[in-house]
Structure formats: structure tokens, C-alpha cells
Amino acid sequence: MLLNDLKNYKIYLASKSPRRRELLADMGIDYELISTDVEESYDPSLYPAEVVQHLSRLKLSAIDMTQYLANTIFIACDTVVVVDGKIIGKPKDNEEALQMLRQLSGQTHLVFSGLTVATPDRMLTDFRSSSVNFVKLSDEELQYYVEHYRPLDKAGAYGIQEWIGYIGIQSIHGSFYNVMGLPTCLLWEMLQNIIRK
């Protein structure tokens, strides 16, 4: 089983997201955090799938992998929300969070996550997308969410696993965990592929 194989590896997660940390731990994977401060920029002409893959690779570009043993695995992920063909990132303040949530309310949007898994001599990158349908929410409901939860560290200003997801998400096509910020099934596949060359 993969979990037994991974015991022979040192695994680093390049992420500040508490959701990604939680999901990786819940998968039974032992890991340590690694800091990769990079400016997350991209060519605006790229498609969302290309953007998230580029950004996930970018997060690992700050690491000199040649300084690590061969049995080291690095994981990085990036997630964006796409509404009406436009990428929306994390809100800078509560007012922008409200504006984003008003855009999502009563609409269907897409969530893209790019995932990069690497060893010192090999790198794999892939992505997953999910479609999320929100019911129409009142301004009072949106304000309640913004005031009582933490929308500022989340793409699209919401967490599917929080109150707004309970009351507002009518349906999802694709991976729930992708919307949460880490396509766990894809990660499992990529880990298998990178250690079983």
C-alpha cells in the first residue's frame, strides 16, 4: 500500500493553507512544512488550468532540491475560482469578500487546483476542476458569513467546509476536496506515480 511505501520518504508540503495541512494529515501522510515565499504572478493570457499548474510549480521553484536526498518528496498546490471566465483570487478585505460572494450567489462557478509533486530528479504537475452551484443568498447571510468566518485567506472568499457551504451550495460536479483546496484523489495517484517510476 502507498502509505507503507511513503514511510521511506521525507515529505514536505509547501503551503500556508490550514485546509491543505489538515487534508494531508487526514490522508495518513506524515509531512513537514517547508517555506517557499515567491511572488505568485502569471501571464493573464493563460487558461485557468494553466495558471494553477504554473503557480504550483512556481511554489517549488524556490527550493534547491539538489540539496535534498533522493527519497524526498515535495508537494505544492494552488487553487483559483473562476466566474464568468475570470479568475478571482483571495479578497484583500471584508468589502471585497462581500463583492466576491455576491458574484457567486445564485450562480455556478468553477474551481481549479493545480498540483505539483516532485523529487530531486523528477517533477509531475496536473490539475483538477470542479463546478459549484450556489443558491441565491441574501446580503444578510453573506454578511454573517464574512463577519463570523475567515474569508480573506480563501480563493473566492469562501470555504466549502464552513457555514456558507452548508447553507449555500446546492450541488457540486467534481471533487469536494478540490474545492476545499487539495485534490486528494489526484494527489494519491501522483504520489504513486512519482515513487513507482
Protein backbone atom coordinates (compact mmCIF):
# COMPACT_ATOMS: atom_id res chain seq x y z
CA MET A 1 0.00 0.00 0.00
CA LEU A 2 1.15 3.52 -0.76
CA LEU A 3 1.22 4.63 2.89
CA ASN A 4 3.75 1.92 3.67
CA ASP A 5 5.91 2.97 0.70
CA LEU A 6 5.79 6.62 1.78
CA LYS A 7 7.38 5.73 5.13
CA ASN A 8 10.65 5.51 3.19
CA TYR A 9 10.33 9.15 2.09
CA LYS A 10 10.71 12.54 3.68
CA ILE A 11 7.71 14.60 2.55
CA TYR A 12 7.49 18.39 2.51
CA LEU A 13 4.34 20.42 1.94
CA ALA A 14 4.86 23.92 0.52
CA SER A 15 1.67 25.56 1.73
CA LYS A 16 0.35 28.11 4.21
CA SER A 17 -3.18 26.75 3.90
CA PRO A 18 -4.53 25.11 7.07
CA ARG A 19 -7.01 23.17 4.91
CA ARG A 20 -4.24 21.55 2.87
CA ARG A 21 -2.35 20.66 6.03
CA GLU A 22 -5.46 19.10 7.53
CA LEU A 23 -6.30 17.11 4.40
CA LEU A 24 -2.78 15.76 4.02
CA ALA A 25 -2.77 14.66 7.66
CA ASP A 26 -6.22 13.09 7.26
CA MET A 27 -4.87 11.08 4.31
CA GLY A 28 -2.44 9.50 6.79
CA ILE A 29 0.62 11.13 5.22
CA ASP A 30 3.41 12.27 7.54
CA TYR A 31 4.92 15.54 6.34
CA GLU A 32 6.73 18.69 7.35
CA LEU A 33 6.05 22.22 6.18
CA ILE A 34 8.57 24.00 4.00
CA SER A 35 8.56 27.74 3.40
CA THR A 36 8.54 28.99 -0.20
CA ASP A 37 7.97 32.71 -0.41
CA VAL A 38 7.51 33.51 -4.08
CA GLU A 39 5.60 36.22 -5.88
CA GLU A 40 2.60 34.42 -7.34
CA SER A 41 2.44 36.06 -10.76
CA TYR A 42 1.27 34.65 -14.06
CA ASP A 43 0.59 35.59 -17.66
CA PRO A 44 -3.06 36.76 -17.82
CA SER A 45 -3.45 35.14 -21.25
CA LEU A 46 -3.14 31.66 -19.68
CA TYR A 47 -6.20 29.48 -19.18
CA PRO A 48 -7.17 28.79 -15.53
CA ALA A 49 -5.88 25.20 -15.75
CA GLU A 50 -2.52 26.52 -16.96
CA VAL A 51 -2.44 29.22 -14.26
CA VAL A 52 -2.87 26.84 -11.33
CA GLN A 53 -0.31 24.39 -12.69
CA HIS A 54 2.16 27.23 -13.25
CA LEU A 55 1.61 28.59 -9.73
CA SER A 56 2.01 25.18 -8.09
CA ARG A 57 5.34 24.69 -9.91
CA LEU A 58 6.36 28.24 -9.00
CA LYS A 59 5.95 27.48 -5.30
CA LEU A 60 8.53 24.69 -5.60
CA SER A 61 10.91 26.75 -7.75
CA ALA A 62 12.20 28.50 -4.62
CA ILE A 63 13.54 25.20 -3.26
CA ASP A 64 17.01 23.96 -4.23
CA MET A 65 16.02 20.31 -4.49
CA THR A 66 19.58 19.23 -5.26
CA GLN A 67 20.34 19.79 -1.57
CA TYR A 68 17.95 17.01 -0.55
CA LEU A 69 18.24 13.23 -0.57
CA ALA A 70 16.70 11.26 -3.44
CA ASN A 71 13.94 9.90 -1.21
CA THR A 72 12.43 13.35 -0.63
CA ILE A 73 9.03 14.40 -1.97
CA PHE A 74 7.79 17.98 -2.29
CA ILE A 75 4.11 18.86 -2.69
CA ALA A 76 2.64 22.21 -3.76
CA CYS A 77 -0.88 23.19 -4.76
CA ASP A 78 -2.67 26.31 -5.94
CA THR A 79 -6.41 26.93 -6.24
CA VAL A 80 -8.40 29.59 -8.06
CA VAL A 81 -12.09 30.33 -8.52
CA VAL A 82 -13.37 31.24 -11.98
CA VAL A 83 -16.58 33.23 -12.50
CA ASP A 84 -17.79 34.23 -15.96
CA GLY A 85 -14.42 33.22 -17.37
CA LYS A 86 -12.46 35.45 -14.98
CA ILE A 87 -10.13 34.31 -12.21
CA ILE A 88 -10.87 35.70 -8.77
CA GLY A 89 -8.30 35.21 -6.05
CA LYS A 90 -8.32 35.93 -2.33
CA PRO A 91 -10.09 39.09 -1.15
CA LYS A 92 -7.97 41.84 0.36
CA ASP A 93 -10.64 42.94 2.87
CA ASN A 94 -14.18 42.17 4.04
CA GLU A 95 -15.78 44.50 1.50
CA GLU A 96 -14.05 42.75 -1.38
CA ALA A 97 -15.05 39.39 0.14
CA LEU A 98 -18.69 40.51 0.10
CA GLN A 99 -18.38 41.61 -3.53
CA MET A 100 -16.94 38.21 -4.49
CA LEU A 101 -19.68 36.32 -2.65
CA ARG A 102 -22.36 38.43 -4.33
CA GLN A 103 -20.85 37.34 -7.67
CA LEU A 104 -21.06 33.67 -6.65
CA SER A 105 -24.57 33.86 -5.15
CA GLY A 106 -27.17 32.21 -7.37
CA GLN A 107 -24.51 31.23 -9.92
CA THR A 108 -22.38 28.29 -10.98
CA HIS A 109 -18.62 28.79 -10.86
CA LEU A 110 -15.52 26.68 -11.45
CA VAL A 111 -12.73 25.82 -9.04
CA PHE A 112 -9.34 24.82 -10.45
CA SER A 113 -6.48 23.34 -8.41
CA GLY A 114 -3.02 22.76 -9.82
CA LEU A 115 -0.87 20.17 -8.07
CA THR A 116 2.88 19.61 -8.36
CA VAL A 117 4.63 16.62 -6.80
CA ALA A 118 8.41 16.45 -7.12
CA THR A 119 11.51 14.59 -6.04
CA PRO A 120 15.05 15.95 -6.55
CA ASP A 121 15.14 14.32 -10.01
CA ARG A 122 11.52 14.27 -11.18
CA MET A 123 8.51 16.60 -11.28
CA LEU A 124 4.85 15.88 -12.07
CA THR A 125 2.16 18.54 -12.49
CA ASP A 126 -1.56 18.12 -13.09
CA PHE A 127 -4.87 19.79 -12.27
CA ARG A 128 -8.49 19.13 -11.43
CA SER A 129 -11.58 21.30 -11.83
CA SER A 130 -14.93 21.23 -10.09
CA SER A 131 -18.18 23.01 -10.83
CA VAL A 132 -20.00 24.52 -7.84
CA ASN A 133 -23.60 25.79 -7.84
CA PHE A 134 -24.62 28.32 -5.19
CA VAL A 135 -28.24 29.07 -4.32
CA LYS A 136 -29.23 32.72 -4.15
CA LEU A 137 -28.13 34.03 -0.75
CA SER A 138 -29.32 37.20 0.93
CA ASP A 139 -26.95 40.05 1.73
CA GLU A 140 -27.67 39.38 5.41
CA GLU A 141 -26.47 35.79 5.02
CA LEU A 142 -23.36 36.85 3.12
CA GLN A 143 -22.50 39.49 5.72
CA TYR A 144 -23.00 36.97 8.52
CA TYR A 145 -20.50 34.65 6.85
CA VAL A 146 -17.92 37.39 6.27
CA GLU A 147 -18.22 38.62 9.88
CA HIS A 148 -18.10 35.21 11.59
CA TYR A 149 -15.66 33.24 9.43
CA ARG A 150 -12.30 33.85 7.70
CA PRO A 151 -12.90 34.60 4.02
CA LEU A 152 -9.67 36.56 3.45
CA ASP A 153 -7.37 33.54 3.13
CA LYS A 154 -9.59 31.70 0.67
CA ALA A 155 -9.86 31.87 -3.12
CA GLY A 156 -13.32 33.18 -3.95
CA ALA A 157 -13.77 34.30 -0.31
CA TYR A 158 -15.43 31.10 0.92
CA GLY A 159 -14.68 27.72 2.43
CA ILE A 160 -16.92 24.89 1.23
CA GLN A 161 -16.45 23.14 4.57
CA GLU A 162 -17.80 26.15 6.51
CA TRP A 163 -21.26 27.54 7.27
CA ILE A 164 -21.75 29.09 3.83
CA GLY A 165 -21.12 25.70 2.23
CA TYR A 166 -23.74 24.08 4.46
CA ILE A 167 -26.49 26.53 3.55
CA GLY A 168 -25.46 27.78 0.13
CA ILE A 169 -24.02 25.02 -2.04
CA GLN A 170 -26.75 23.26 -3.93
CA SER A 171 -24.56 20.93 -5.98
CA ILE A 172 -21.00 20.10 -6.98
CA HIS A 173 -19.75 18.33 -10.05
CA GLY A 174 -16.24 17.07 -9.34
CA SER A 175 -14.15 16.66 -6.22
CA PHE A 176 -15.34 18.26 -2.96
CA TYR A 177 -11.74 18.26 -1.70
CA ASN A 178 -10.59 20.06 -4.83
CA VAL A 179 -12.96 22.89 -3.87
CA MET A 180 -11.56 22.76 -0.35
CA GLY A 181 -8.10 23.35 -1.82
CA LEU A 182 -6.41 19.98 -2.38
CA PRO A 183 -7.49 17.38 -4.97
CA THR A 184 -6.74 14.44 -2.70
CA CYS A 185 -7.55 11.65 -5.16
CA LEU A 186 -5.23 13.22 -7.74
CA LEU A 187 -2.52 13.64 -5.09
CA TRP A 188 -2.74 9.92 -4.22
CA GLU A 189 -2.35 8.99 -7.91
CA MET A 190 0.60 11.35 -8.39
CA LEU A 191 2.39 10.07 -5.29
CA GLN A 192 2.03 6.52 -6.59
CA ASN A 193 3.37 7.59 -9.97
CA ILE A 194 6.36 9.50 -8.65
CA ILE A 195 7.66 6.70 -6.43
CA ARG A 196 6.88 3.88 -8.86
CA LYS A 197 8.80 5.13 -11.89
